Amino acid sequence: MSKKALTYNEALAEIEAIIERIEGDELDVDELTKDVKRVAELLKICKLKLRNTEEEVQKILKEFDEE
């Protein structure tokens, strides 16, 4: 069974939920390391998606300029 890739918005929503847990009274010290690692993974996903989007937009703009 393959994992469904997260969308940018899904990753961002998960980051926000984790941050709310950490900032709120729901902080579980035993889970903190796991949460921080998960946020780091999600940030990498978001960064990659933003970079890919930027590259695609630049490609489209370049093709538009060539016309």
N, C-alpha and C. Protein backbone atom coordinates (compact mmCIF):
# COMPACT_ATOMS: atom_id res chain seq x y z
N MET A 1 0.83 -1.17 0.00
CA MET A 1 0.00 0.00 0.00
C MET A 1 0.89 1.24 0.00
N SER A 2 0.66 2.15 -0.96
CA SER A 2 1.51 3.33 -1.05
C SER A 2 0.91 4.48 -0.25
N LYS A 3 1.81 5.29 0.28
CA LYS A 3 1.38 6.46 1.04
C LYS A 3 0.99 7.57 0.08
N LYS A 4 -0.08 8.27 0.41
CA LYS A 4 -0.51 9.41 -0.38
C LYS A 4 0.41 10.58 -0.03
N ALA A 5 0.95 11.23 -1.05
CA ALA A 5 1.82 12.37 -0.82
C ALA A 5 1.00 13.53 -0.26
N LEU A 6 1.57 14.20 0.71
CA LEU A 6 0.89 15.34 1.30
C LEU A 6 0.91 16.52 0.35
N THR A 7 -0.17 17.26 0.35
CA THR A 7 -0.17 18.52 -0.38
C THR A 7 0.51 19.56 0.50
N TYR A 8 0.83 20.69 -0.10
CA TYR A 8 1.44 21.78 0.65
C TYR A 8 0.51 22.19 1.80
N ASN A 9 -0.78 22.37 1.48
CA ASN A 9 -1.74 22.81 2.50
C ASN A 9 -1.91 21.79 3.62
N GLU A 10 -1.87 20.51 3.30
CA GLU A 10 -1.96 19.48 4.33
C GLU A 10 -0.74 19.52 5.24
N ALA A 11 0.44 19.66 4.65
CA ALA A 11 1.67 19.73 5.44
C ALA A 11 1.65 20.96 6.33
N LEU A 12 1.23 22.09 5.78
CA LEU A 12 1.18 23.33 6.54
C LEU A 12 0.18 23.21 7.69
N ALA A 13 -0.96 22.61 7.43
CA ALA A 13 -1.97 22.43 8.48
C ALA A 13 -1.43 21.54 9.60
N GLU A 14 -0.70 20.51 9.24
CA GLU A 14 -0.13 19.62 10.27
C GLU A 14 0.92 20.36 11.09
N ILE A 15 1.74 21.18 10.43
CA ILE A 15 2.73 21.99 11.15
C ILE A 15 2.03 22.90 12.15
N GLU A 16 0.98 23.57 11.69
CA GLU A 16 0.24 24.49 12.56
C GLU A 16 -0.37 23.77 13.75
N ALA A 17 -0.89 22.56 13.52
CA ALA A 17 -1.49 21.78 14.61
C ALA A 17 -0.43 21.39 15.64
N ILE A 18 0.73 21.00 15.18
CA ILE A 18 1.82 20.61 16.09
C ILE A 18 2.27 21.82 16.88
N ILE A 19 2.41 22.96 16.23
CA ILE A 19 2.85 24.18 16.92
C ILE A 19 1.82 24.58 17.98
N GLU A 20 0.55 24.47 17.66
CA GLU A 20 -0.49 24.78 18.64
C GLU A 20 -0.39 23.87 19.86
N ARG A 21 -0.13 22.58 19.60
CA ARG A 21 0.03 21.63 20.72
C ARG A 21 1.22 22.02 21.58
N ILE A 22 2.34 22.37 20.93
CA ILE A 22 3.56 22.72 21.67
C ILE A 22 3.35 24.00 22.47
N GLU A 23 2.69 24.99 21.86
CA GLU A 23 2.48 26.27 22.53
C GLU A 23 1.39 26.21 23.59
N GLY A 24 0.48 25.29 23.44
CA GLY A 24 -0.63 25.19 24.38
C GLY A 24 -0.28 24.35 25.58
N ASP A 25 -1.29 24.01 26.30
CA ASP A 25 -1.12 23.20 27.51
C ASP A 25 -1.02 21.72 27.19
N GLU A 26 -1.03 21.37 25.92
CA GLU A 26 -1.02 19.97 25.52
C GLU A 26 0.39 19.41 25.37
N LEU A 27 1.39 20.17 25.78
CA LEU A 27 2.78 19.76 25.60
C LEU A 27 3.08 18.49 26.39
N ASP A 28 3.54 17.49 25.68
CA ASP A 28 3.99 16.24 26.29
C ASP A 28 5.49 16.15 26.00
N VAL A 29 6.28 16.32 27.03
CA VAL A 29 7.73 16.35 26.87
C VAL A 29 8.23 15.09 26.17
N ASP A 30 7.61 13.97 26.43
CA ASP A 30 8.02 12.72 25.80
C ASP A 30 7.77 12.73 24.29
N GLU A 31 6.81 13.53 23.86
CA GLU A 31 6.47 13.60 22.44
C GLU A 31 7.16 14.76 21.73
N LEU A 32 7.79 15.67 22.48
CA LEU A 32 8.36 16.87 21.90
C LEU A 32 9.38 16.57 20.81
N THR A 33 10.30 15.66 21.06
CA THR A 33 11.31 15.33 20.06
C THR A 33 10.67 14.79 18.79
N LYS A 34 9.68 13.92 18.96
CA LYS A 34 8.97 13.36 17.81
C LYS A 34 8.27 14.48 17.03
N ASP A 35 7.64 15.39 17.75
CA ASP A 35 6.94 16.50 17.09
C ASP A 35 7.90 17.40 16.33
N VAL A 36 9.03 17.73 16.95
CA VAL A 36 10.02 18.60 16.29
C VAL A 36 10.57 17.92 15.04
N LYS A 37 10.83 16.63 15.10
CA LYS A 37 11.30 15.90 13.93
C LYS A 37 10.25 15.90 12.82
N ARG A 38 8.99 15.72 13.19
CA ARG A 38 7.91 15.72 12.21
C ARG A 38 7.78 17.09 11.55
N VAL A 39 7.88 18.16 12.33
CA VAL A 39 7.83 19.50 11.77
C VAL A 39 8.97 19.70 10.79
N ALA A 40 10.16 19.23 11.12
CA ALA A 40 11.31 19.35 10.22
C ALA A 40 11.03 18.63 8.90
N GLU A 41 10.45 17.44 8.96
CA GLU A 41 10.10 16.69 7.75
C GLU A 41 9.07 17.46 6.92
N LEU A 42 8.06 17.99 7.60
CA LEU A 42 7.01 18.73 6.91
C LEU A 42 7.55 20.01 6.27
N LEU A 43 8.47 20.67 6.96
CA LEU A 43 9.08 21.88 6.39
C LEU A 43 9.88 21.55 5.13
N LYS A 44 10.55 20.41 5.13
CA LYS A 44 11.28 19.98 3.92
C LYS A 44 10.31 19.76 2.76
N ILE A 45 9.17 19.14 3.05
CA ILE A 45 8.15 18.91 2.02
C ILE A 45 7.67 20.24 1.47
N CYS A 46 7.35 21.18 2.36
CA CYS A 46 6.86 22.49 1.93
C CYS A 46 7.91 23.23 1.11
N LYS A 47 9.14 23.20 1.56
CA LYS A 47 10.23 23.88 0.86
C LYS A 47 10.41 23.29 -0.54
N LEU A 48 10.37 21.98 -0.66
CA LEU A 48 10.52 21.33 -1.96
C LEU A 48 9.36 21.70 -2.88
N LYS A 49 8.15 21.70 -2.35
CA LYS A 49 6.99 22.05 -3.17
C LYS A 49 7.06 23.50 -3.63
N LEU A 50 7.50 24.39 -2.75
CA LEU A 50 7.66 25.80 -3.13
C LEU A 50 8.74 25.97 -4.20
N ARG A 51 9.85 25.26 -4.03
CA ARG A 51 10.94 25.34 -5.00
C ARG A 51 10.47 24.81 -6.37
N ASN A 52 9.76 23.68 -6.36
CA ASN A 52 9.26 23.12 -7.62
C ASN A 52 8.27 24.05 -8.29
N THR A 53 7.41 24.67 -7.50
CA THR A 53 6.44 25.61 -8.05
C THR A 53 7.15 26.81 -8.65
N GLU A 54 8.14 27.32 -7.96
CA GLU A 54 8.90 28.47 -8.47
C GLU A 54 9.57 28.12 -9.80
N GLU A 55 10.16 26.93 -9.88
CA GLU A 55 10.81 26.50 -11.11
C GLU A 55 9.81 26.39 -12.26
N GLU A 56 8.63 25.85 -11.97
CA GLU A 56 7.60 25.73 -13.00
C GLU A 56 7.12 27.09 -13.48
N VAL A 57 6.92 28.01 -12.54
CA VAL A 57 6.49 29.36 -12.91
C VAL A 57 7.56 30.04 -13.76
N GLN A 58 8.82 29.90 -13.37
CA GLN A 58 9.91 30.49 -14.15
C GLN A 58 9.95 29.90 -15.56
N LYS A 59 9.73 28.60 -15.67
CA LYS A 59 9.71 27.93 -16.97
C LYS A 59 8.58 28.48 -17.83
N ILE A 60 7.40 28.63 -17.23
CA ILE A 60 6.25 29.15 -17.97
C ILE A 60 6.51 30.58 -18.42
N LEU A 61 7.06 31.40 -17.54
CA LEU A 61 7.36 32.79 -17.88
C LEU A 61 8.40 32.87 -18.99
N LYS A 62 9.39 32.00 -18.94
CA LYS A 62 10.42 31.99 -19.96
C LYS A 62 9.81 31.61 -21.31
N GLU A 63 8.94 30.60 -21.33
CA GLU A 63 8.28 30.21 -22.57
C GLU A 63 7.38 31.34 -23.08
N PHE A 64 6.74 32.04 -22.18
CA PHE A 64 5.88 33.15 -22.55
C PHE A 64 6.71 34.26 -23.19
N ASP A 65 7.87 34.56 -22.62
CA ASP A 65 8.75 35.60 -23.14
C ASP A 65 9.29 35.24 -24.52
N GLU A 66 9.45 33.96 -24.80
CA GLU A 66 10.00 33.51 -26.09
C GLU A 66 8.99 33.62 -27.21
N GLU A 67 7.72 33.75 -26.89
CA GLU A 67 6.68 33.81 -27.92
C GLU A 67 6.63 35.17 -28.56
